[in-house]
Amino acid sequence: MAIELDKDVRDRAIASLQRYFTENMDEPIGNIQAGALLHFFVEEVAPAIYNLAIADAQQSLHARVTELDIECHQEPFGYWKKQPARKR
């Protein structure tokens, strides 16, 4: 599954990269260069982050399903346990 960024998210990410370079590097980075760097990160690194997020979601859902079984489980054949013992 290809990771696609919305235009607004992409524009904000590019602006963030440009600000980072301005504040932390010797030279600023232009819009085209920041876009290319963002594209590289999305292609190269984002799938690993995406896969971790999916694994986290699976773990969370598994834990919730386990809790559901505990909360909703009903014991079968409980009728006789509720009845007073009859003498013969």
Protein backbone atom coordinates (compact mmCIF):
# COMPACT_ATOMS: atom_id res chain seq x y z
CA MET A 1 0.00 0.00 0.00
CA ALA A 2 1.52 3.29 -1.09
CA ILE A 3 1.57 6.05 1.49
CA GLU A 4 0.05 9.23 0.07
CA LEU A 5 0.08 12.56 1.86
CA ASP A 6 -2.70 15.08 1.38
CA LYS A 7 -1.58 18.32 -0.26
CA ASP A 8 -2.04 20.27 2.98
CA VAL A 9 -0.02 17.73 4.99
CA ARG A 10 2.67 17.63 2.30
CA ASP A 11 2.91 21.44 2.21
CA ARG A 12 3.15 21.64 6.00
CA ALA A 13 5.81 18.90 6.07
CA ILE A 14 7.86 20.73 3.44
CA ALA A 15 7.58 23.97 5.42
CA SER A 16 8.66 22.11 8.55
CA LEU A 17 11.69 20.63 6.77
CA GLN A 18 12.65 24.08 5.49
CA ARG A 19 12.37 25.54 8.98
CA TYR A 20 14.44 22.68 10.41
CA PHE A 21 17.21 23.30 7.88
CA THR A 22 17.11 27.05 8.51
CA GLU A 23 17.42 26.63 12.27
CA ASN A 24 19.74 23.61 12.48
CA MET A 25 21.88 23.37 9.35
CA ASP A 26 24.53 25.57 7.80
CA GLU A 27 22.43 26.26 4.70
CA PRO A 28 18.70 26.58 4.17
CA ILE A 29 16.90 24.15 1.88
CA GLY A 30 14.64 25.21 -0.97
CA ASN A 31 11.09 24.12 -1.61
CA ILE A 32 12.02 21.66 -4.37
CA GLN A 33 14.82 20.11 -2.33
CA ALA A 34 12.59 19.82 0.75
CA GLY A 35 9.89 18.17 -1.38
CA ALA A 36 12.42 15.68 -2.75
CA LEU A 37 13.70 14.92 0.75
CA LEU A 38 10.14 14.43 1.99
CA HIS A 39 9.42 12.11 -0.94
CA PHE A 40 12.52 10.08 -0.07
CA PHE A 41 11.49 9.75 3.58
CA VAL A 42 7.93 8.79 2.65
CA GLU A 43 9.21 6.11 0.26
CA GLU A 44 12.07 4.85 2.44
CA VAL A 45 11.13 5.32 6.10
CA ALA A 46 7.36 5.79 6.30
CA PRO A 47 6.55 2.11 5.55
CA ALA A 48 8.54 1.03 8.63
CA ILE A 49 6.65 3.54 10.80
CA TYR A 50 3.36 2.48 9.21
CA ASN A 51 4.09 -1.18 9.95
CA LEU A 52 4.86 -0.36 13.59
CA ALA A 53 1.58 1.54 13.86
CA ILE A 54 -0.32 -1.42 12.40
CA ALA A 55 1.39 -3.79 14.87
CA ASP A 56 0.45 -1.45 17.75
CA ALA A 57 -3.16 -1.33 16.55
CA GLN A 58 -3.26 -5.13 16.29
CA GLN A 59 -1.93 -5.47 19.84
CA SER A 60 -4.46 -2.99 21.16
CA LEU A 61 -7.36 -4.70 19.38
CA HIS A 62 -6.21 -8.12 20.56
CA ALA A 63 -6.15 -6.88 24.17
CA ARG A 64 -9.64 -5.42 23.82
CA VAL A 65 -11.01 -8.62 22.28
CA THR A 66 -9.54 -10.60 25.18
CA GLU A 67 -11.23 -8.24 27.66
CA LEU A 68 -14.50 -8.63 25.77
CA ASP A 69 -14.42 -12.38 26.31
CA ILE A 70 -13.82 -11.90 30.04
CA GLU A 71 -16.56 -9.26 30.41
CA CYS A 72 -19.19 -10.98 28.29
CA HIS A 73 -18.54 -14.66 28.93
CA GLN A 74 -21.52 -16.60 30.25
CA GLU A 75 -21.23 -20.01 31.84
CA PRO A 76 -23.51 -22.59 30.27
CA PHE A 77 -25.57 -25.11 32.22
CA GLY A 78 -26.12 -22.85 35.23
CA TYR A 79 -29.77 -23.75 35.79
CA TRP A 80 -29.11 -26.55 38.26
CA LYS A 81 -26.60 -24.53 40.21
CA LYS A 82 -29.32 -21.96 40.98
CA GLN A 83 -31.93 -24.49 42.14
CA PRO A 84 -32.14 -25.55 45.77
CA ALA A 85 -31.19 -29.15 46.33
CA ARG A 86 -34.28 -31.35 46.60
CA LYS A 87 -34.52 -34.16 49.06
CA ARG A 88 -35.83 -37.51 47.86
